[in-house]
Amino acid sequence: MRAANLLCGLALASAWRGPQPRVKPLTLRRAAPAAPPAPVAAAGNKVQKRLIALLSFNAGVADVVLFKKHGCFATMMTGNLIKGTCALVDAKWADARFFGFMIVSYLAGCSGQRILDQRATPRTKSRVIALATFLLFRCSDVFGGASARRGALWLAAGFGLVNARVGINP
């Protein structure tokens, strides 16, 4: 019985690969040498890497500050999902709603960047993203207050906008 199962498994595996040629054709020509890679602007690449590193560092700092102050994350939606699920299980409806809105706010920022990426020129896109991020972060200060958690919702939208931009090659 085991032998039959083994043969059946081997037959399925060979059928999965599809038909294979019995003999590989010989080529008499040698392959052309690989072309050297195109030169990359080193200065622009360094600046871009530094900017990405700085934005990543700032996102980490923002997560630490928000977690200490409000118990939520601005850029790590997995943490918000886990905390929101725990709040649902514990029947803390206000907390569950807050963490759900954090995720929706982050996704709204990502969606806004995606819409801009499809419809705007690169120069316009950069200006709009910079202005929108500044306004979202400023709204976090103005409408968030010292102890209100709703300021974190504005930050999540701003970081969604920034993180979606960093993830796309310019």
C-alpha atoms as a PDB file:
ATOM      1  CA  MET A   1       0.000   0.000   0.000  1.00  0.00           C
ATOM      2  CA  ARG A   2       2.831   2.368   0.863  1.00  0.00           C
ATOM      3  CA  ALA A   3       4.547   1.638  -2.434  1.00  0.00           C
ATOM      4  CA  ALA A   4       1.358   2.484  -4.320  1.00  0.00           C
ATOM      5  CA  ASN A   5       1.035   5.777  -2.434  1.00  0.00           C
ATOM      6  CA  LEU A   6       4.666   6.585  -3.159  1.00  0.00           C
ATOM      7  CA  LEU A   7       4.272   5.844  -6.868  1.00  0.00           C
ATOM      8  CA  CYS A   8       1.087   7.909  -6.994  1.00  0.00           C
ATOM      9  CA  GLY A   9       2.900  10.795  -5.299  1.00  0.00           C
ATOM     10  CA  LEU A  10       5.799  10.572  -7.760  1.00  0.00           C
ATOM     11  CA  ALA A  11       3.376  10.520 -10.700  1.00  0.00           C
ATOM     12  CA  LEU A  12       1.603  13.588  -9.390  1.00  0.00           C
ATOM     13  CA  ALA A  13       4.908  15.369  -8.845  1.00  0.00           C
ATOM     14  CA  SER A  14       6.067  14.652 -12.383  1.00  0.00           C
ATOM     15  CA  ALA A  15       2.699  15.741 -13.782  1.00  0.00           C
ATOM     16  CA  TRP A  16       2.954  18.939 -11.773  1.00  0.00           C
ATOM     17  CA  ARG A  17       6.288  19.804 -13.419  1.00  0.00           C
ATOM     18  CA  GLY A  18       4.856  19.251 -16.876  1.00  0.00           C
ATOM     19  CA  PRO A  19       6.568  17.627 -19.848  1.00  0.00           C
ATOM     20  CA  GLN A  20      10.347  17.802 -19.789  1.00  0.00           C
ATOM     21  CA  PRO A  21      12.559  17.544 -22.884  1.00  0.00           C
ATOM     22  CA  ARG A  22      14.426  14.258 -23.027  1.00  0.00           C
ATOM     23  CA  VAL A  23      17.676  15.725 -24.300  1.00  0.00           C
ATOM     24  CA  LYS A  24      18.845  19.261 -23.869  1.00  0.00           C
ATOM     25  CA  PRO A  25      19.780  20.826 -27.200  1.00  0.00           C
ATOM     26  CA  LEU A  26      23.443  21.681 -27.570  1.00  0.00           C
ATOM     27  CA  THR A  27      24.382  25.221 -28.411  1.00  0.00           C
ATOM     28  CA  LEU A  28      27.562  25.873 -30.289  1.00  0.00           C
ATOM     29  CA  ARG A  29      27.610  29.583 -29.669  1.00  0.00           C
ATOM     30  CA  ARG A  30      28.986  30.930 -26.464  1.00  0.00           C
ATOM     31  CA  ALA A  31      26.870  33.253 -24.436  1.00  0.00           C
ATOM     32  CA  ALA A  32      27.697  36.932 -24.808  1.00  0.00           C
ATOM     33  CA  PRO A  33      29.475  38.441 -21.826  1.00  0.00           C
ATOM     34  CA  ALA A  34      27.189  40.252 -19.446  1.00  0.00           C
ATOM     35  CA  ALA A  35      27.000  43.987 -19.985  1.00  0.00           C
ATOM     36  CA  PRO A  36      28.401  46.108 -17.179  1.00  0.00           C
ATOM     37  CA  PRO A  37      25.722  47.624 -14.945  1.00  0.00           C
ATOM     38  CA  ALA A  38      24.601  51.134 -15.761  1.00  0.00           C
ATOM     39  CA  PRO A  39      26.303  53.757 -13.617  1.00  0.00           C
ATOM     40  CA  VAL A  40      24.116  54.995 -10.768  1.00  0.00           C
ATOM     41  CA  ALA A  41      24.248  58.530  -9.467  1.00  0.00           C
ATOM     42  CA  ALA A  42      26.041  57.862  -6.201  1.00  0.00           C
ATOM     43  CA  ALA A  43      25.215  61.185  -4.577  1.00  0.00           C
ATOM     44  CA  GLY A  44      21.480  60.895  -5.230  1.00  0.00           C
ATOM     45  CA  ASN A  45      21.426  57.326  -4.025  1.00  0.00           C
ATOM     46  CA  LYS A  46      23.183  58.248  -0.768  1.00  0.00           C
ATOM     47  CA  VAL A  47      20.807  61.116  -0.120  1.00  0.00           C
ATOM     48  CA  GLN A  48      17.804  58.900  -0.760  1.00  0.00           C
ATOM     49  CA  LYS A  49      19.126  56.194   1.574  1.00  0.00           C
ATOM     50  CA  ARG A  50      19.777  58.762   4.293  1.00  0.00           C
ATOM     51  CA  LEU A  51      16.277  60.177   3.904  1.00  0.00           C
ATOM     52  CA  ILE A  52      14.719  56.725   4.154  1.00  0.00           C
ATOM     53  CA  ALA A  53      16.833  55.928   7.222  1.00  0.00           C
ATOM     54  CA  LEU A  54      15.843  59.230   8.852  1.00  0.00           C
ATOM     55  CA  LEU A  55      12.144  58.680   8.132  1.00  0.00           C
ATOM     56  CA  SER A  56      12.351  55.135   9.511  1.00  0.00           C
ATOM     57  CA  PHE A  57      14.068  56.376  12.661  1.00  0.00           C
ATOM     58  CA  ASN A  58      11.425  59.082  13.121  1.00  0.00           C
ATOM     59  CA  ALA A  59       8.655  56.523  12.696  1.00  0.00           C
ATOM     60  CA  GLY A  60      10.227  54.394  15.420  1.00  0.00           C
ATOM     61  CA  VAL A  61      10.524  57.369  17.765  1.00  0.00           C
ATOM     62  CA  ALA A  62       6.892  58.289  17.105  1.00  0.00           C
ATOM     63  CA  ASP A  63       5.797  54.738  17.919  1.00  0.00           C
ATOM     64  CA  VAL A  64       7.707  54.781  21.202  1.00  0.00           C
ATOM     65  CA  VAL A  65       6.269  58.160  22.221  1.00  0.00           C
ATOM     66  CA  LEU A  66       2.712  57.237  21.262  1.00  0.00           C
ATOM     67  CA  PHE A  67       2.928  53.882  22.990  1.00  0.00           C
ATOM     68  CA  LYS A  68       4.149  55.510  26.204  1.00  0.00           C
ATOM     69  CA  LYS A  69       1.557  58.297  26.050  1.00  0.00           C
ATOM     70  CA  HIS A  70      -1.541  56.637  24.578  1.00  0.00           C
ATOM     71  CA  GLY A  71      -0.838  52.904  24.417  1.00  0.00           C
ATOM     72  CA  CYS A  72      -1.108  52.755  20.612  1.00  0.00           C
ATOM     73  CA  PHE A  73       1.168  52.788  17.582  1.00  0.00           C
ATOM     74  CA  ALA A  74       1.337  55.326  14.745  1.00  0.00           C
ATOM     75  CA  THR A  75       3.077  53.126  12.193  1.00  0.00           C
ATOM     76  CA  MET A  76       2.811  49.543  13.444  1.00  0.00           C
ATOM     77  CA  MET A  77      -0.722  48.485  12.574  1.00  0.00           C
ATOM     78  CA  THR A  78      -0.079  44.920  13.677  1.00  0.00           C
ATOM     79  CA  GLY A  79       0.303  46.177  17.250  1.00  0.00           C
ATOM     80  CA  ASN A  80      -2.940  48.140  16.953  1.00  0.00           C
ATOM     81  CA  LEU A  81      -4.704  45.085  15.557  1.00  0.00           C
ATOM     82  CA  ILE A  82      -3.532  42.929  18.454  1.00  0.00           C
ATOM     83  CA  LYS A  83      -4.462  45.539  21.060  1.00  0.00           C
ATOM     84  CA  GLY A  84      -7.845  46.087  19.402  1.00  0.00           C
ATOM     85  CA  THR A  85      -8.544  42.358  19.346  1.00  0.00           C
ATOM     86  CA  CYS A  86      -7.618  42.077  23.019  1.00  0.00           C
ATOM     87  CA  ALA A  87      -9.966  44.985  23.759  1.00  0.00           C
ATOM     88  CA  LEU A  88     -12.768  43.193  21.885  1.00  0.00           C
ATOM     89  CA  VAL A  89     -12.183  40.006  23.843  1.00  0.00           C
ATOM     90  CA  ASP A  90     -12.219  41.952  27.124  1.00  0.00           C
ATOM     91  CA  ALA A  91     -15.409  43.813  26.034  1.00  0.00           C
ATOM     92  CA  LYS A  92     -13.695  47.221  26.170  1.00  0.00           C
ATOM     93  CA  TRP A  93     -15.728  48.655  23.324  1.00  0.00           C
ATOM     94  CA  ALA A  94     -14.278  52.184  23.407  1.00  0.00           C
ATOM     95  CA  ASP A  95     -10.718  50.860  23.154  1.00  0.00           C
ATOM     96  CA  ALA A  96     -11.659  48.430  20.380  1.00  0.00           C
ATOM     97  CA  ARG A  97     -13.308  51.262  18.435  1.00  0.00           C
ATOM     98  CA  PHE A  98     -10.255  53.479  18.919  1.00  0.00           C
ATOM     99  CA  PHE A  99      -7.815  50.848  17.627  1.00  0.00           C
ATOM    100  CA  GLY A 100     -10.107  50.132  14.684  1.00  0.00           C
ATOM    101  CA  PHE A 101     -10.141  53.830  13.821  1.00  0.00           C
ATOM    102  CA  MET A 102      -6.337  53.912  14.096  1.00  0.00           C
ATOM    103  CA  ILE A 103      -6.096  51.243  11.413  1.00  0.00           C
ATOM    104  CA  VAL A 104      -8.693  52.961   9.215  1.00  0.00           C
ATOM    105  CA  SER A 105      -6.867  56.288   9.615  1.00  0.00           C
ATOM    106  CA  TYR A 106      -3.547  54.721   8.601  1.00  0.00           C
ATOM    107  CA  LEU A 107      -5.174  53.100   5.573  1.00  0.00           C
ATOM    108  CA  ALA A 108      -6.724  56.448   4.616  1.00  0.00           C
ATOM    109  CA  GLY A 109      -3.242  57.987   4.562  1.00  0.00           C
ATOM    110  CA  CYS A 110      -1.908  55.125   2.431  1.00  0.00           C
ATOM    111  CA  SER A 111      -4.871  55.433   0.069  1.00  0.00           C
ATOM    112  CA  GLY A 112      -4.369  59.180  -0.256  1.00  0.00           C
ATOM    113  CA  GLN A 113      -0.765  58.650  -1.280  1.00  0.00           C
ATOM    114  CA  ARG A 114      -1.773  55.982  -3.769  1.00  0.00           C
ATOM    115  CA  ILE A 115      -4.334  58.291  -5.382  1.00  0.00           C
ATOM    116  CA  LEU A 116      -1.717  61.038  -5.628  1.00  0.00           C
ATOM    117  CA  ASP A 117       0.780  58.595  -7.080  1.00  0.00           C
ATOM    118  CA  GLN A 118      -1.586  57.739  -9.918  1.00  0.00           C
ATOM    119  CA  ARG A 119      -2.918  61.199 -10.724  1.00  0.00           C
ATOM    120  CA  ALA A 120      -0.261  63.814  -9.978  1.00  0.00           C
ATOM    121  CA  THR A 121       3.082  64.741 -11.497  1.00  0.00           C
ATOM    122  CA  PRO A 122       6.150  63.957  -9.361  1.00  0.00           C
ATOM    123  CA  ARG A 123       6.752  67.596  -8.477  1.00  0.00           C
ATOM    124  CA  THR A 124       3.138  68.229  -7.507  1.00  0.00           C
ATOM    125  CA  LYS A 125       3.009  64.934  -5.629  1.00  0.00           C
ATOM    126  CA  SER A 126       5.999  65.822  -3.451  1.00  0.00           C
ATOM    127  CA  ARG A 127       4.570  69.223  -2.592  1.00  0.00           C
ATOM    128  CA  VAL A 128       1.118  67.896  -1.767  1.00  0.00           C
ATOM    129  CA  ILE A 129       2.497  65.064   0.377  1.00  0.00           C
ATOM    130  CA  ALA A 130       4.765  67.446   2.303  1.00  0.00           C
ATOM    131  CA  LEU A 131       1.913  69.893   2.926  1.00  0.00           C
ATOM    132  CA  ALA A 132      -0.593  67.159   3.819  1.00  0.00           C
ATOM    133  CA  THR A 133       1.850  65.513   6.240  1.00  0.00           C
ATOM    134  CA  PHE A 134       2.564  68.845   7.924  1.00  0.00           C
ATOM    135  CA  LEU A 135      -1.155  69.604   8.236  1.00  0.00           C
ATOM    136  CA  LEU A 136      -1.970  66.146   9.611  1.00  0.00           C
ATOM    137  CA  PHE A 137       0.772  66.378  12.210  1.00  0.00           C
ATOM    138  CA  ARG A 138      -0.336  69.915  13.108  1.00  0.00           C
ATOM    139  CA  CYS A 139      -3.953  68.755  13.452  1.00  0.00           C
ATOM    140  CA  SER A 140      -2.684  66.123  15.849  1.00  0.00           C
ATOM    141  CA  ASP A 141      -1.336  68.893  18.074  1.00  0.00           C
ATOM    142  CA  VAL A 142      -4.346  71.192  17.745  1.00  0.00           C
ATOM    143  CA  PHE A 143      -7.187  68.681  18.007  1.00  0.00           C
ATOM    144  CA  GLY A 144      -5.414  66.040  20.058  1.00  0.00           C
ATOM    145  CA  GLY A 145      -4.753  67.996  23.198  1.00  0.00           C
ATOM    146  CA  ALA A 146      -2.462  66.827  25.939  1.00  0.00           C
ATOM    147  CA  SER A 147      -4.329  63.703  26.968  1.00  0.00           C
ATOM    148  CA  ALA A 148      -6.888  63.003  24.222  1.00  0.00           C
ATOM    149  CA  ARG A 149      -6.200  59.910  22.154  1.00  0.00           C
ATOM    150  CA  ARG A 150      -7.843  61.367  19.077  1.00  0.00           C
ATOM    151  CA  GLY A 151      -4.604  63.179  18.206  1.00  0.00           C
ATOM    152  CA  ALA A 152      -3.089  59.789  17.461  1.00  0.00           C
ATOM    153  CA  LEU A 153      -5.637  59.296  14.667  1.00  0.00           C
ATOM    154  CA  TRP A 154      -4.212  62.298  12.791  1.00  0.00           C
ATOM    155  CA  LEU A 155      -0.687  60.970  13.302  1.00  0.00           C
ATOM    156  CA  ALA A 156      -1.662  57.548  11.956  1.00  0.00           C
ATOM    157  CA  ALA A 157      -3.008  59.148   8.764  1.00  0.00           C
ATOM    158  CA  GLY A 158       0.177  61.211   8.384  1.00  0.00           C
ATOM    159  CA  PHE A 159       2.443  58.236   8.890  1.00  0.00           C
ATOM    160  CA  GLY A 160       0.328  56.185   6.480  1.00  0.00           C
ATOM    161  CA  LEU A 161       0.951  58.882   3.882  1.00  0.00           C
ATOM    162  CA  VAL A 162       4.694  58.975   4.591  1.00  0.00           C
ATOM    163  CA  ASN A 163       5.190  55.216   4.814  1.00  0.00           C
ATOM    164  CA  ALA A 164       3.325  54.587   1.581  1.00  0.00           C
ATOM    165  CA  ARG A 165       5.543  57.156  -0.125  1.00  0.00           C
ATOM    166  CA  VAL A 166       8.783  55.665   1.187  1.00  0.00           C
ATOM    167  CA  GLY A 167       7.748  52.197   0.024  1.00  0.00           C
ATOM    168  CA  ILE A 168       7.427  53.292  -3.613  1.00  0.00           C
ATOM    169  CA  ASN A 169      10.419  53.781  -5.862  1.00  0.00           C
ATOM    170  CA  PRO A 170      10.449  57.408  -7.065  1.00  0.00           C
END
